[in-house]
Amino acid sequence: MSTSIDQLVERIRGHRCYDHPVFDHWTSGNPTAEVVGALFHQIQKFCAVTRPGGRFPEALTSFEFSRESKLLQEIVESEEDHGPELATMAGYILNRAAGRAVFADLDDQQRVEAGLKEFSDKILGSLPGYDPTTGLLVQTRKAMAVFDGRQAVDKESTLRNLGTALALEMISNRQLIPGEKRCLVDSGLYRASLDDPEMHYLLEHWGEIGAEQMHEENAIAAVGSVLNEETEELITEGVDAFLDNLANLWDVLDSALLASGHREAALTG
């Protein structure tokens, strides 16, 4: 008997990535502005590679998965141009954490992102495998590399990409966006509200009518219609590759930044 879409969904929900405590530790730890900058650098670089569809929709169509291609293309189009909004939110939160205007122009995406990298270089640069050119941890690069498969058009890669898309959209909707809302808004640490114009990125993605809910529904529909005994192994490989690598990224950010980057530690160190 083949795996059902409900069973695959439960597999994702049962993975440690699904309820990883990294955002809860962010909330409880109240990290310094420098740590916030380093966190945002790794997260926003990872998120950037998850948005483009590459040749994935095209490959789906070539294997006569036209409906599935349309569902995935809707997600890709919905995510276009979100990079500047994420940079604005990151700069806004970092300014609030610092209590001063670290970034005077929040619309200057290039300057904000360069500043985030500077914080990352300062705090994480000594870790093994850290790339000073990109400012990325080994774990970040591995999590990003899962999406290299979207440039491939063979059937095996395409099926893995379907699994990765499902895991991505479920984690985004159920762990990443809710986690960001808890630590950036609900915690009160940054005196930020979803009504703040600078927080539009989070507002647009949050909740039952947010973009991530639609993305998850589309991904479930696309995978569910393709999932059978012949496809389940490769689809599951794509699911696991995403979840395992993102969990490893959360692990290193949690241990390197949130265990040692608390304000209390900075004040007494």
Protein backbone atom coordinates (compact mmCIF):
# COMPACT_ATOMS: atom_id res chain seq x y z
CA MET A 1 0.00 0.00 0.00
CA SER A 2 1.35 3.41 -0.96
CA THR A 3 1.75 6.33 1.41
CA SER A 4 -1.27 8.64 1.44
CA ILE A 5 -1.01 12.41 1.45
CA ASP A 6 -2.38 12.43 4.99
CA GLN A 7 0.42 10.11 6.09
CA LEU A 8 3.02 12.28 4.40
CA VAL A 9 1.60 15.36 6.11
CA GLU A 10 1.82 13.53 9.44
CA ARG A 11 5.43 12.60 8.67
CA ILE A 12 6.23 16.30 8.34
CA ARG A 13 4.33 17.17 11.51
CA GLY A 14 6.25 14.48 13.38
CA HIS A 15 9.69 15.75 12.34
CA ARG A 16 11.65 17.70 14.94
CA CYS A 17 11.88 20.64 12.56
CA TYR A 18 8.11 21.15 12.81
CA ASP A 19 8.25 22.25 16.45
CA HIS A 20 11.89 23.27 16.75
CA PRO A 21 12.30 25.66 19.71
CA VAL A 22 14.60 28.17 17.98
CA PHE A 23 11.96 30.93 17.89
CA ASP A 24 10.85 30.24 21.46
CA HIS A 25 14.47 30.58 22.55
CA TRP A 26 14.71 33.82 20.58
CA THR A 27 11.71 35.10 22.54
CA SER A 28 12.92 33.99 25.96
CA GLY A 29 16.52 35.00 25.35
CA ASN A 30 15.94 38.59 24.20
CA PRO A 31 19.16 38.56 22.14
CA THR A 32 21.32 41.58 21.51
CA ALA A 33 20.93 43.62 18.33
CA GLU A 34 24.10 42.05 16.92
CA VAL A 35 22.69 38.56 17.43
CA VAL A 36 19.39 39.60 15.84
CA GLY A 37 21.34 40.83 12.82
CA ALA A 38 23.25 37.56 12.52
CA LEU A 39 20.03 35.55 12.82
CA PHE A 40 18.32 37.59 10.14
CA HIS A 41 21.26 37.29 7.77
CA GLN A 42 21.17 33.49 7.80
CA ILE A 43 17.37 33.32 7.67
CA GLN A 44 16.86 35.83 4.89
CA LYS A 45 19.56 34.24 2.72
CA PHE A 46 17.91 30.86 3.15
CA CYS A 47 14.45 32.24 2.40
CA ALA A 48 15.72 33.94 -0.75
CA VAL A 49 16.51 30.64 -2.49
CA THR A 50 13.13 29.12 -1.64
CA ARG A 51 11.15 31.66 -3.69
CA PRO A 52 12.22 31.17 -7.33
CA GLY A 53 10.65 28.24 -9.16
CA GLY A 54 13.58 27.74 -11.49
CA ARG A 55 12.64 25.09 -14.05
CA PHE A 56 10.44 23.21 -11.61
CA PRO A 57 7.04 24.30 -13.01
CA GLU A 58 8.33 23.67 -16.53
CA ALA A 59 9.50 20.19 -15.58
CA LEU A 60 6.13 19.34 -14.04
CA THR A 61 4.40 20.32 -17.26
CA SER A 62 6.78 18.21 -19.33
CA PHE A 63 5.68 15.13 -17.37
CA GLU A 64 2.02 16.02 -17.94
CA PHE A 65 1.55 17.35 -14.42
CA SER A 66 -0.01 20.53 -15.77
CA ARG A 67 -2.41 21.10 -12.87
CA GLU A 68 0.41 20.58 -10.39
CA SER A 69 2.60 23.00 -12.35
CA LYS A 70 -0.12 25.65 -12.15
CA LEU A 71 -0.47 25.18 -8.39
CA LEU A 72 3.28 25.54 -7.84
CA GLN A 73 3.52 28.50 -10.21
CA GLU A 74 0.88 30.30 -8.15
CA ILE A 75 3.16 29.94 -5.13
CA VAL A 76 6.18 31.22 -7.05
CA GLU A 77 4.28 34.27 -8.32
CA SER A 78 2.95 34.99 -4.85
CA GLU A 79 6.49 35.08 -3.47
CA GLU A 80 7.94 37.45 -6.06
CA ASP A 81 9.60 40.63 -4.78
CA HIS A 82 9.37 39.67 -1.11
CA GLY A 83 13.11 40.11 -0.59
CA PRO A 84 12.91 43.89 -0.10
CA GLU A 85 10.03 43.54 2.37
CA LEU A 86 11.94 40.99 4.44
CA ALA A 87 14.99 43.27 4.49
CA THR A 88 12.83 46.19 5.62
CA MET A 89 11.34 44.12 8.45
CA ALA A 90 14.77 42.87 9.51
CA GLY A 91 16.19 46.41 9.59
CA TYR A 92 13.18 47.69 11.50
CA ILE A 93 13.46 44.98 14.16
CA LEU A 94 17.21 45.46 14.47
CA ASN A 95 16.76 49.21 14.98
CA ARG A 96 14.23 48.45 17.71
CA ALA A 97 16.58 45.93 19.33
CA ALA A 98 19.45 48.44 19.28
CA GLY A 99 17.39 51.36 20.50
CA ARG A 100 18.82 53.51 17.73
CA ALA A 101 18.78 53.85 13.95
CA VAL A 102 21.39 51.30 12.91
CA PHE A 103 19.78 51.48 9.46
CA ALA A 104 18.62 54.99 8.64
CA ASP A 105 16.97 54.00 5.35
CA LEU A 106 14.96 50.80 5.71
CA ASP A 107 14.15 50.85 2.00
CA ASP A 108 17.81 50.49 1.10
CA GLN A 109 17.79 46.71 0.73
CA GLN A 110 21.45 46.49 -0.27
CA ARG A 111 22.64 48.48 2.75
CA VAL A 112 20.42 46.58 5.20
CA GLU A 113 21.51 43.19 3.91
CA ALA A 114 25.17 44.24 3.95
CA GLY A 115 24.75 45.36 7.55
CA LEU A 116 23.17 42.06 8.55
CA LYS A 117 26.13 40.24 7.03
CA GLU A 118 28.53 42.41 9.05
CA PHE A 119 26.82 41.26 12.25
CA SER A 120 26.95 37.65 11.07
CA ASP A 121 30.65 37.92 10.21
CA LYS A 122 31.42 39.38 13.62
CA ILE A 123 29.55 36.74 15.65
CA LEU A 124 29.63 33.62 13.51
CA GLY A 125 32.76 34.15 11.42
CA SER A 126 34.98 31.95 13.56
CA LEU A 127 32.77 28.86 13.25
CA PRO A 128 34.16 25.98 11.16
CA GLY A 129 33.22 26.23 7.50
CA TYR A 130 31.89 29.78 7.69
CA ASP A 131 32.19 31.41 4.26
CA PRO A 132 33.41 35.03 4.64
CA THR A 133 32.36 35.92 1.10
CA THR A 134 28.68 35.10 1.54
CA GLY A 135 28.58 35.17 5.32
CA LEU A 136 26.90 31.78 5.37
CA LEU A 137 27.27 28.88 7.75
CA VAL A 138 27.84 25.37 6.40
CA GLN A 139 24.37 24.43 7.60
CA THR A 140 22.79 27.39 5.83
CA ARG A 141 24.49 26.49 2.58
CA LYS A 142 23.34 22.88 2.87
CA ALA A 143 19.75 23.92 3.53
CA MET A 144 19.89 26.26 0.54
CA ALA A 145 21.43 23.57 -1.69
CA VAL A 146 18.26 21.47 -1.43
CA PHE A 147 16.70 23.99 -3.81
CA ASP A 148 19.39 23.54 -6.46
CA GLY A 149 17.23 20.69 -7.73
CA ARG A 150 14.74 23.21 -9.08
CA GLN A 151 17.10 23.79 -11.98
CA ALA A 152 16.88 20.13 -13.02
CA VAL A 153 14.21 18.81 -15.39
CA ASP A 154 14.58 15.04 -15.01
CA LYS A 155 11.70 13.15 -13.45
CA GLU A 156 13.54 12.00 -10.32
CA SER A 157 14.56 15.56 -9.43
CA THR A 158 11.07 16.83 -10.18
CA LEU A 159 9.48 14.34 -7.80
CA ARG A 160 11.99 15.21 -5.09
CA ASN A 161 11.19 18.87 -5.69
CA LEU A 162 7.51 18.15 -5.06
CA GLY A 163 8.34 16.66 -1.69
CA THR A 164 10.59 19.58 -0.84
CA ALA A 165 7.86 22.04 -1.84
CA LEU A 166 5.34 20.33 0.43
CA ALA A 167 7.70 20.35 3.42
CA LEU A 168 8.71 23.97 2.74
CA GLU A 169 5.17 25.28 2.63
CA MET A 170 4.05 23.35 5.69
CA ILE A 171 7.05 24.48 7.76
CA SER A 172 6.67 28.06 6.53
CA ASN A 173 2.99 28.13 7.46
CA ARG A 174 3.21 26.14 10.69
CA GLN A 175 6.65 26.87 12.15
CA LEU A 176 8.59 29.69 10.48
CA ILE A 177 5.95 32.41 10.11
CA PRO A 178 4.22 31.65 13.45
CA GLY A 179 7.64 31.56 15.10
CA GLU A 180 8.57 34.94 13.67
CA LYS A 181 5.27 36.39 14.84
CA ARG A 182 5.81 35.08 18.37
CA CYS A 183 9.30 36.48 18.77
CA LEU A 184 8.99 39.68 16.73
CA VAL A 185 5.45 40.79 17.64
CA ASP A 186 3.78 38.80 20.40
CA SER A 187 6.82 38.89 22.70
CA GLY A 188 6.73 42.67 22.93
CA LEU A 189 10.52 42.72 22.73
CA TYR A 190 10.55 45.10 19.79
CA ARG A 191 7.32 47.04 20.36
CA ALA A 192 6.30 45.99 16.86
CA SER A 193 2.81 45.43 15.50
CA LEU A 194 1.51 43.74 12.37
CA ASP A 195 -0.06 47.12 11.60
CA ASP A 196 3.36 48.74 11.30
CA PRO A 197 4.11 49.35 7.59
CA GLU A 198 7.62 47.95 8.11
CA MET A 199 6.06 44.63 9.21
CA HIS A 200 4.08 44.12 6.02
CA TYR A 201 6.09 41.02 5.10
CA LEU A 202 4.89 39.21 8.20
CA LEU A 203 1.34 40.54 7.92
CA GLU A 204 1.02 39.25 4.37
CA HIS A 205 2.19 35.76 5.30
CA TRP A 206 0.46 35.30 8.65
CA GLY A 207 -2.81 33.54 9.48
CA GLU A 208 -5.62 31.68 7.78
CA ILE A 209 -5.94 34.27 5.01
CA GLY A 210 -2.19 34.80 4.67
CA ALA A 211 -0.07 33.78 1.72
CA GLU A 212 1.46 30.81 3.52
CA GLN A 213 -1.93 29.19 4.08
CA MET A 214 -2.63 29.30 0.35
CA HIS A 215 0.84 27.98 -0.39
CA GLU A 216 0.37 25.01 1.92
CA GLU A 217 -3.02 24.18 0.40
CA ASN A 218 -1.57 24.34 -3.11
CA ALA A 219 1.40 22.14 -2.18
CA ILE A 220 -0.80 19.51 -0.53
CA ALA A 221 -3.07 19.43 -3.57
CA ALA A 222 -0.15 19.15 -6.00
CA VAL A 223 1.63 16.38 -4.12
CA GLY A 224 -1.54 14.51 -3.24
CA SER A 225 -2.50 14.08 -6.89
CA VAL A 226 0.91 12.67 -7.84
CA LEU A 227 1.66 10.55 -4.78
CA ASN A 228 1.48 6.80 -5.46
CA GLU A 229 3.57 3.64 -5.09
CA GLU A 230 5.85 4.67 -7.94
CA THR A 231 6.48 8.24 -6.78
CA GLU A 232 6.37 8.07 -2.98
CA GLU A 233 10.04 7.17 -2.43
CA LEU A 234 11.41 10.16 -4.33
CA ILE A 235 8.79 12.55 -2.98
CA THR A 236 9.62 11.43 0.54
CA GLU A 237 13.34 11.92 -0.16
CA GLY A 238 12.58 15.54 -1.04
CA VAL A 239 10.57 15.98 2.14
CA ASP A 240 13.31 14.57 4.34
CA ALA A 241 16.13 16.48 2.64
CA PHE A 242 14.40 19.77 3.39
CA LEU A 243 13.40 18.93 6.96
CA ASP A 244 16.74 17.42 8.00
CA ASN A 245 18.81 20.28 6.63
CA LEU A 246 16.58 23.04 7.99
CA ALA A 247 16.52 21.38 11.42
CA ASN A 248 20.33 21.32 11.35
CA LEU A 249 20.35 25.03 10.52
CA TRP A 250 17.97 25.80 13.40
CA ASP A 251 20.21 23.71 15.68
CA VAL A 252 23.34 25.70 14.95
CA LEU A 253 21.59 29.09 15.14
CA ASP A 254 20.04 28.04 18.43
CA SER A 255 23.28 26.83 19.97
CA ALA A 256 25.64 29.44 18.54
CA LEU A 257 23.46 32.52 18.92
CA LEU A 258 20.62 31.98 21.33
CA ALA A 259 22.48 30.03 23.99
CA SER A 260 25.32 32.56 24.14
CA GLY A 261 23.79 35.74 22.76
CA HIS A 262 21.38 36.75 25.53
CA ARG A 263 21.41 40.29 26.80
CA GLU A 264 22.05 38.95 30.30
CA ALA A 265 25.19 37.15 29.15
CA ALA A 266 26.39 40.23 27.28
CA LEU A 267 25.92 42.37 30.39
CA THR A 268 27.81 40.03 32.68
CA GLY A 269 30.43 38.75 30.25
